[in-house]
Amino acid sequence: MNLPWTITIEKEPDPEFGFLYIARVKDLPGVVSDGYSEDEARISLREALKLSLRMSLEEKEEFTLPI
């Protein structure tokens, strides 16, 4: 699944692990994930996005489509 939405990945300090990469979907607040590497954060974000979209469709909620 390609991510047509704009995503951001930021490296943030973590007291237990040193740092984590936090991935977010720009136009879908609440679709956030993390990982110990950028790749892991991106893969985890794909799963979070799929789950969020599936739940929105089941609940007949609106969500922002990418341009």
Protein backbone atom coordinates (compact mmCIF):
# COMPACT_ATOMS: atom_id res chain seq x y z
CA MET A 1 0.00 0.00 0.00
CA ASN A 2 1.53 3.29 -1.07
CA LEU A 3 0.96 6.26 1.15
CA PRO A 4 -0.40 9.06 -1.06
CA TRP A 5 -0.81 11.27 2.01
CA THR A 6 2.04 13.46 3.17
CA ILE A 7 3.84 11.87 6.09
CA THR A 8 6.40 13.28 8.50
CA ILE A 9 8.96 11.32 10.46
CA GLU A 10 10.76 12.98 13.35
CA LYS A 11 13.47 11.65 15.61
CA GLU A 12 12.51 12.30 19.22
CA PRO A 13 14.36 11.57 22.45
CA ASP A 14 13.14 8.66 24.55
CA PRO A 15 14.45 8.19 28.11
CA GLU A 16 14.35 4.39 27.90
CA PHE A 17 15.62 3.75 24.36
CA GLY A 18 17.62 6.88 23.57
CA PHE A 19 15.31 7.94 20.74
CA LEU A 20 12.32 6.88 18.65
CA TYR A 21 11.14 7.88 15.20
CA ILE A 22 7.61 9.30 15.29
CA ALA A 23 5.63 9.05 12.02
CA ARG A 24 2.47 11.05 11.35
CA VAL A 25 0.01 11.49 8.47
CA LYS A 26 -0.28 15.24 7.87
CA ASP A 27 -3.97 15.40 6.94
CA LEU A 28 -5.23 12.66 9.27
CA PRO A 29 -4.83 13.74 12.90
CA GLY A 30 -4.53 10.75 15.18
CA VAL A 31 -2.79 8.52 12.63
CA VAL A 32 0.55 8.33 14.41
CA SER A 33 3.04 5.55 14.96
CA ASP A 34 6.62 5.05 16.03
CA GLY A 35 9.61 2.81 15.59
CA TYR A 36 13.29 2.40 16.41
CA SER A 37 14.18 3.27 12.79
CA GLU A 38 12.58 5.36 10.05
CA ASP A 39 11.64 2.19 8.16
CA GLU A 40 10.04 0.62 11.23
CA ALA A 41 8.07 3.82 11.90
CA ARG A 42 6.92 3.96 8.26
CA ILE A 43 5.80 0.30 8.26
CA SER A 44 3.98 0.77 11.55
CA LEU A 45 2.32 3.93 10.19
CA ARG A 46 0.98 1.99 7.18
CA GLU A 47 -0.74 -0.43 9.55
CA ALA A 48 -2.14 2.43 11.65
CA LEU A 49 -3.43 4.12 8.48
CA LYS A 50 -5.11 0.93 7.23
CA LEU A 51 -6.81 0.44 10.58
CA SER A 52 -7.92 4.08 10.77
CA LEU A 53 -9.37 4.04 7.24
CA ARG A 54 -11.10 0.69 7.82
CA MET A 55 -12.69 2.00 11.03
CA SER A 56 -13.76 5.24 9.30
CA LEU A 57 -15.42 3.29 6.49
CA GLU A 58 -17.18 0.92 8.91
CA GLU A 59 -18.45 3.84 11.00
CA LYS A 60 -19.31 5.85 7.86
CA GLU A 61 -17.08 8.68 9.05
CA GLU A 62 -15.49 11.19 6.69
CA PHE A 63 -11.75 11.33 6.15
CA THR A 64 -9.48 13.51 4.05
CA LEU A 65 -8.49 12.08 0.68
CA PRO A 66 -5.05 12.99 -0.64
CA ILE A 67 -4.78 15.28 -3.63
